[in-house]
Amino acid sequence: MPGLSFRIESVRAERYSFEPVPSLNMNVQILVSRVEREVNGFRANFLVKLDCVPPIASIDIKGVVYVVPQNEAEKQQLEKDLGSGAVPPQLTNAIYSYTLPILALLSRELGLPPPCPPPIQIPKPERREPKPGYHL
């Protein structure tokens, strides 16, 4: 598991309206810039946006994540994954997990319900072939 370190660069939270709404949808987007090579690992800027529908509030968190592989095999695997141009889902999940408490705190201060954590993906059980024999 590579080492991750985060740095939050800016936080913006704004409530536009205090009118009661019958229903509220909260959308969380995670935008990750192109991952760049550093001396010891990799660096990527990110932006986490929380928007409400209807538009009564928004929260933006900008930051940087540093990824430092622990060994050469991890470094090669990361280079392979990042070479395709797609951000690995593990990195996106780590960014969301790091910023979720900040989003929850700011949501509470703005008088909004907390954003929900992402659904946990439960691995599907492997289908095993029945073994010959008798059983009760």
C-alpha atoms as a PDB file:
ATOM      1  CA  MET A   1       0.000   0.000   0.000  1.00  0.00           C
ATOM      2  CA  PRO A   2       1.591   3.286  -1.042  1.00  0.00           C
ATOM      3  CA  GLY A   3       1.899   6.120   1.437  1.00  0.00           C
ATOM      4  CA  LEU A   4      -0.610   8.946   0.965  1.00  0.00           C
ATOM      5  CA  SER A   5      -0.361  12.449   2.336  1.00  0.00           C
ATOM      6  CA  PHE A   6      -2.883  15.214   1.821  1.00  0.00           C
ATOM      7  CA  ARG A   7      -2.707  18.985   1.882  1.00  0.00           C
ATOM      8  CA  ILE A   8      -5.880  21.066   1.819  1.00  0.00           C
ATOM      9  CA  GLU A   9      -5.250  24.354   0.024  1.00  0.00           C
ATOM     10  CA  SER A  10      -8.647  26.038   0.143  1.00  0.00           C
ATOM     11  CA  VAL A  11     -12.130  25.504   1.514  1.00  0.00           C
ATOM     12  CA  ARG A  12     -15.226  27.403   0.418  1.00  0.00           C
ATOM     13  CA  ALA A  13     -18.667  26.839   1.922  1.00  0.00           C
ATOM     14  CA  GLU A  14     -21.639  29.045   1.169  1.00  0.00           C
ATOM     15  CA  ARG A  15     -25.343  28.919   1.960  1.00  0.00           C
ATOM     16  CA  TYR A  16     -27.452  30.849  -0.562  1.00  0.00           C
ATOM     17  CA  SER A  17     -30.907  30.462   0.925  1.00  0.00           C
ATOM     18  CA  PHE A  18     -32.503  29.530   4.226  1.00  0.00           C
ATOM     19  CA  GLU A  19     -35.932  28.853   2.709  1.00  0.00           C
ATOM     20  CA  PRO A  20     -37.353  25.444   3.660  1.00  0.00           C
ATOM     21  CA  VAL A  21     -37.312  22.943   0.802  1.00  0.00           C
ATOM     22  CA  PRO A  22     -39.512  19.833   0.511  1.00  0.00           C
ATOM     23  CA  SER A  23     -36.643  17.628  -0.671  1.00  0.00           C
ATOM     24  CA  LEU A  24     -32.910  18.119  -0.997  1.00  0.00           C
ATOM     25  CA  ASN A  25     -30.446  16.241  -3.170  1.00  0.00           C
ATOM     26  CA  MET A  26     -26.727  16.543  -2.500  1.00  0.00           C
ATOM     27  CA  ASN A  27     -24.289  15.744  -5.296  1.00  0.00           C
ATOM     28  CA  VAL A  28     -20.600  15.141  -4.561  1.00  0.00           C
ATOM     29  CA  GLN A  29     -18.087  15.321  -7.409  1.00  0.00           C
ATOM     30  CA  ILE A  30     -14.392  14.501  -7.167  1.00  0.00           C
ATOM     31  CA  LEU A  31     -12.207  16.026  -9.849  1.00  0.00           C
ATOM     32  CA  VAL A  32      -8.576  14.879 -10.011  1.00  0.00           C
ATOM     33  CA  SER A  33      -6.066  16.614 -12.250  1.00  0.00           C
ATOM     34  CA  ARG A  34      -3.441  14.828 -14.264  1.00  0.00           C
ATOM     35  CA  VAL A  35      -1.100  12.939 -11.968  1.00  0.00           C
ATOM     36  CA  GLU A  36       2.466  14.285 -12.114  1.00  0.00           C
ATOM     37  CA  ARG A  37       5.706  12.535 -11.249  1.00  0.00           C
ATOM     38  CA  GLU A  38       7.663  13.806  -8.257  1.00  0.00           C
ATOM     39  CA  VAL A  39      11.137  12.812  -7.038  1.00  0.00           C
ATOM     40  CA  ASN A  40       9.868  10.122  -4.653  1.00  0.00           C
ATOM     41  CA  GLY A  41       6.406   9.446  -6.060  1.00  0.00           C
ATOM     42  CA  PHE A  42       3.434  11.162  -7.622  1.00  0.00           C
ATOM     43  CA  ARG A  43       1.340  14.282  -7.011  1.00  0.00           C
ATOM     44  CA  ALA A  44      -2.215  15.156  -8.043  1.00  0.00           C
ATOM     45  CA  ASN A  45      -4.416  18.175  -7.413  1.00  0.00           C
ATOM     46  CA  PHE A  46      -8.029  17.479  -6.530  1.00  0.00           C
ATOM     47  CA  LEU A  47     -11.293  19.361  -6.118  1.00  0.00           C
ATOM     48  CA  VAL A  48     -14.227  17.972  -4.150  1.00  0.00           C
ATOM     49  CA  LYS A  49     -17.499  19.766  -4.898  1.00  0.00           C
ATOM     50  CA  LEU A  50     -20.748  19.368  -3.001  1.00  0.00           C
ATOM     51  CA  ASP A  51     -23.753  20.963  -4.684  1.00  0.00           C
ATOM     52  CA  CYS A  52     -27.369  20.945  -3.551  1.00  0.00           C
ATOM     53  CA  VAL A  53     -30.483  20.622  -5.702  1.00  0.00           C
ATOM     54  CA  PRO A  54     -32.357  22.975  -5.374  1.00  0.00           C
ATOM     55  CA  PRO A  55     -29.326  25.283  -5.230  1.00  0.00           C
ATOM     56  CA  ILE A  56     -29.341  26.436  -1.618  1.00  0.00           C
ATOM     57  CA  ALA A  57     -25.662  25.757  -0.781  1.00  0.00           C
ATOM     58  CA  SER A  58     -22.314  24.606  -2.152  1.00  0.00           C
ATOM     59  CA  ILE A  59     -19.007  23.470  -0.694  1.00  0.00           C
ATOM     60  CA  ASP A  60     -15.639  23.264  -2.503  1.00  0.00           C
ATOM     61  CA  ILE A  61     -12.452  21.704  -1.112  1.00  0.00           C
ATOM     62  CA  LYS A  62      -9.217  22.040  -3.110  1.00  0.00           C
ATOM     63  CA  GLY A  63      -6.091  20.159  -2.225  1.00  0.00           C
ATOM     64  CA  VAL A  64      -3.137  18.030  -3.229  1.00  0.00           C
ATOM     65  CA  VAL A  65      -2.490  14.346  -2.624  1.00  0.00           C
ATOM     66  CA  TYR A  66       1.030  12.906  -2.638  1.00  0.00           C
ATOM     67  CA  VAL A  67       1.476   9.203  -3.390  1.00  0.00           C
ATOM     68  CA  VAL A  68       4.751   7.593  -2.315  1.00  0.00           C
ATOM     69  CA  PRO A  69       5.230   3.923  -3.265  1.00  0.00           C
ATOM     70  CA  GLN A  70       6.813   1.712  -0.611  1.00  0.00           C
ATOM     71  CA  ASN A  71       8.812  -0.473  -3.004  1.00  0.00           C
ATOM     72  CA  GLU A  72       9.766  -0.812  -6.667  1.00  0.00           C
ATOM     73  CA  ALA A  73       6.894  -3.179  -7.483  1.00  0.00           C
ATOM     74  CA  GLU A  74       4.356  -0.630  -6.220  1.00  0.00           C
ATOM     75  CA  LYS A  75       6.066   2.102  -8.222  1.00  0.00           C
ATOM     76  CA  GLN A  76       5.869   0.069 -11.426  1.00  0.00           C
ATOM     77  CA  GLN A  77       2.216  -0.802 -10.786  1.00  0.00           C
ATOM     78  CA  LEU A  78       1.355   2.861 -10.160  1.00  0.00           C
ATOM     79  CA  GLU A  79       3.185   3.930 -13.325  1.00  0.00           C
ATOM     80  CA  LYS A  80       1.269   1.301 -15.267  1.00  0.00           C
ATOM     81  CA  ASP A  81      -2.092   2.388 -13.809  1.00  0.00           C
ATOM     82  CA  LEU A  82      -1.393   6.091 -14.274  1.00  0.00           C
ATOM     83  CA  GLY A  83       0.031   5.582 -17.753  1.00  0.00           C
ATOM     84  CA  SER A  84      -3.440   4.768 -19.032  1.00  0.00           C
ATOM     85  CA  GLY A  85      -4.549   8.301 -18.123  1.00  0.00           C
ATOM     86  CA  ALA A  86      -7.247   7.161 -15.721  1.00  0.00           C
ATOM     87  CA  VAL A  87      -7.087   7.860 -12.007  1.00  0.00           C
ATOM     88  CA  PRO A  88      -7.119   4.619  -9.989  1.00  0.00           C
ATOM     89  CA  PRO A  89     -10.396   4.191  -8.053  1.00  0.00           C
ATOM     90  CA  GLN A  90      -8.407   3.547  -4.860  1.00  0.00           C
ATOM     91  CA  LEU A  91      -6.980   7.075  -5.086  1.00  0.00           C
ATOM     92  CA  THR A  92     -10.430   8.596  -5.629  1.00  0.00           C
ATOM     93  CA  ASN A  93     -11.792   6.629  -2.652  1.00  0.00           C
ATOM     94  CA  ALA A  94      -8.884   7.792  -0.479  1.00  0.00           C
ATOM     95  CA  ILE A  95      -9.554  11.436  -1.410  1.00  0.00           C
ATOM     96  CA  TYR A  96     -13.252  11.030  -0.608  1.00  0.00           C
ATOM     97  CA  SER A  97     -12.511   9.292   2.696  1.00  0.00           C
ATOM     98  CA  TYR A  98     -10.127  12.080   3.692  1.00  0.00           C
ATOM     99  CA  THR A  99     -12.494  14.925   2.797  1.00  0.00           C
ATOM    100  CA  LEU A 100     -15.755  13.343   4.061  1.00  0.00           C
ATOM    101  CA  PRO A 101     -15.315  14.534   7.697  1.00  0.00           C
ATOM    102  CA  ILE A 102     -14.616  18.064   6.441  1.00  0.00           C
ATOM    103  CA  LEU A 103     -17.711  17.950   4.228  1.00  0.00           C
ATOM    104  CA  ALA A 104     -19.807  16.658   7.128  1.00  0.00           C
ATOM    105  CA  LEU A 105     -18.592  19.411   9.470  1.00  0.00           C
ATOM    106  CA  LEU A 106     -19.202  22.178   6.945  1.00  0.00           C
ATOM    107  CA  SER A 107     -22.619  20.740   6.069  1.00  0.00           C
ATOM    108  CA  ARG A 108     -23.605  20.773   9.725  1.00  0.00           C
ATOM    109  CA  GLU A 109     -22.427  24.362  10.146  1.00  0.00           C
ATOM    110  CA  LEU A 110     -24.510  25.404   7.129  1.00  0.00           C
ATOM    111  CA  GLY A 111     -27.587  23.639   8.525  1.00  0.00           C
ATOM    112  CA  LEU A 112     -27.563  20.860   5.913  1.00  0.00           C
ATOM    113  CA  PRO A 113     -27.779  17.114   6.406  1.00  0.00           C
ATOM    114  CA  PRO A 114     -24.409  15.350   6.189  1.00  0.00           C
ATOM    115  CA  PRO A 115     -23.401  13.846   2.850  1.00  0.00           C
ATOM    116  CA  CYS A 116     -23.695  10.100   2.728  1.00  0.00           C
ATOM    117  CA  PRO A 117     -20.584   7.916   2.472  1.00  0.00           C
ATOM    118  CA  PRO A 118     -20.156   6.005  -0.797  1.00  0.00           C
ATOM    119  CA  PRO A 119     -21.813   2.609  -0.962  1.00  0.00           C
ATOM    120  CA  ILE A 120     -19.554  -0.220   0.085  1.00  0.00           C
ATOM    121  CA  GLN A 121     -18.999  -2.639  -2.752  1.00  0.00           C
ATOM    122  CA  ILE A 122     -19.573  -6.107  -1.410  1.00  0.00           C
ATOM    123  CA  PRO A 123     -17.659  -8.687  -3.406  1.00  0.00           C
ATOM    124  CA  LYS A 124     -19.862 -11.261  -5.054  1.00  0.00           C
ATOM    125  CA  PRO A 125     -19.361 -14.762  -3.677  1.00  0.00           C
ATOM    126  CA  GLU A 126     -17.575 -17.093  -6.029  1.00  0.00           C
ATOM    127  CA  ARG A 127     -19.742 -19.802  -7.463  1.00  0.00           C
ATOM    128  CA  ARG A 128     -18.339 -23.169  -6.501  1.00  0.00           C
ATOM    129  CA  GLU A 129     -18.952 -26.301  -8.444  1.00  0.00           C
ATOM    130  CA  PRO A 130     -20.700 -28.972  -6.396  1.00  0.00           C
ATOM    131  CA  LYS A 131     -18.463 -31.801  -5.337  1.00  0.00           C
ATOM    132  CA  PRO A 132     -19.609 -35.297  -6.086  1.00  0.00           C
ATOM    133  CA  GLY A 133     -20.836 -37.149  -3.074  1.00  0.00           C
ATOM    134  CA  TYR A 134     -23.709 -37.280  -0.642  1.00  0.00           C
ATOM    135  CA  HIS A 135     -24.742 -34.719   1.897  1.00  0.00           C
ATOM    136  CA  LEU A 136     -27.732 -34.206   4.114  1.00  0.00           C
END
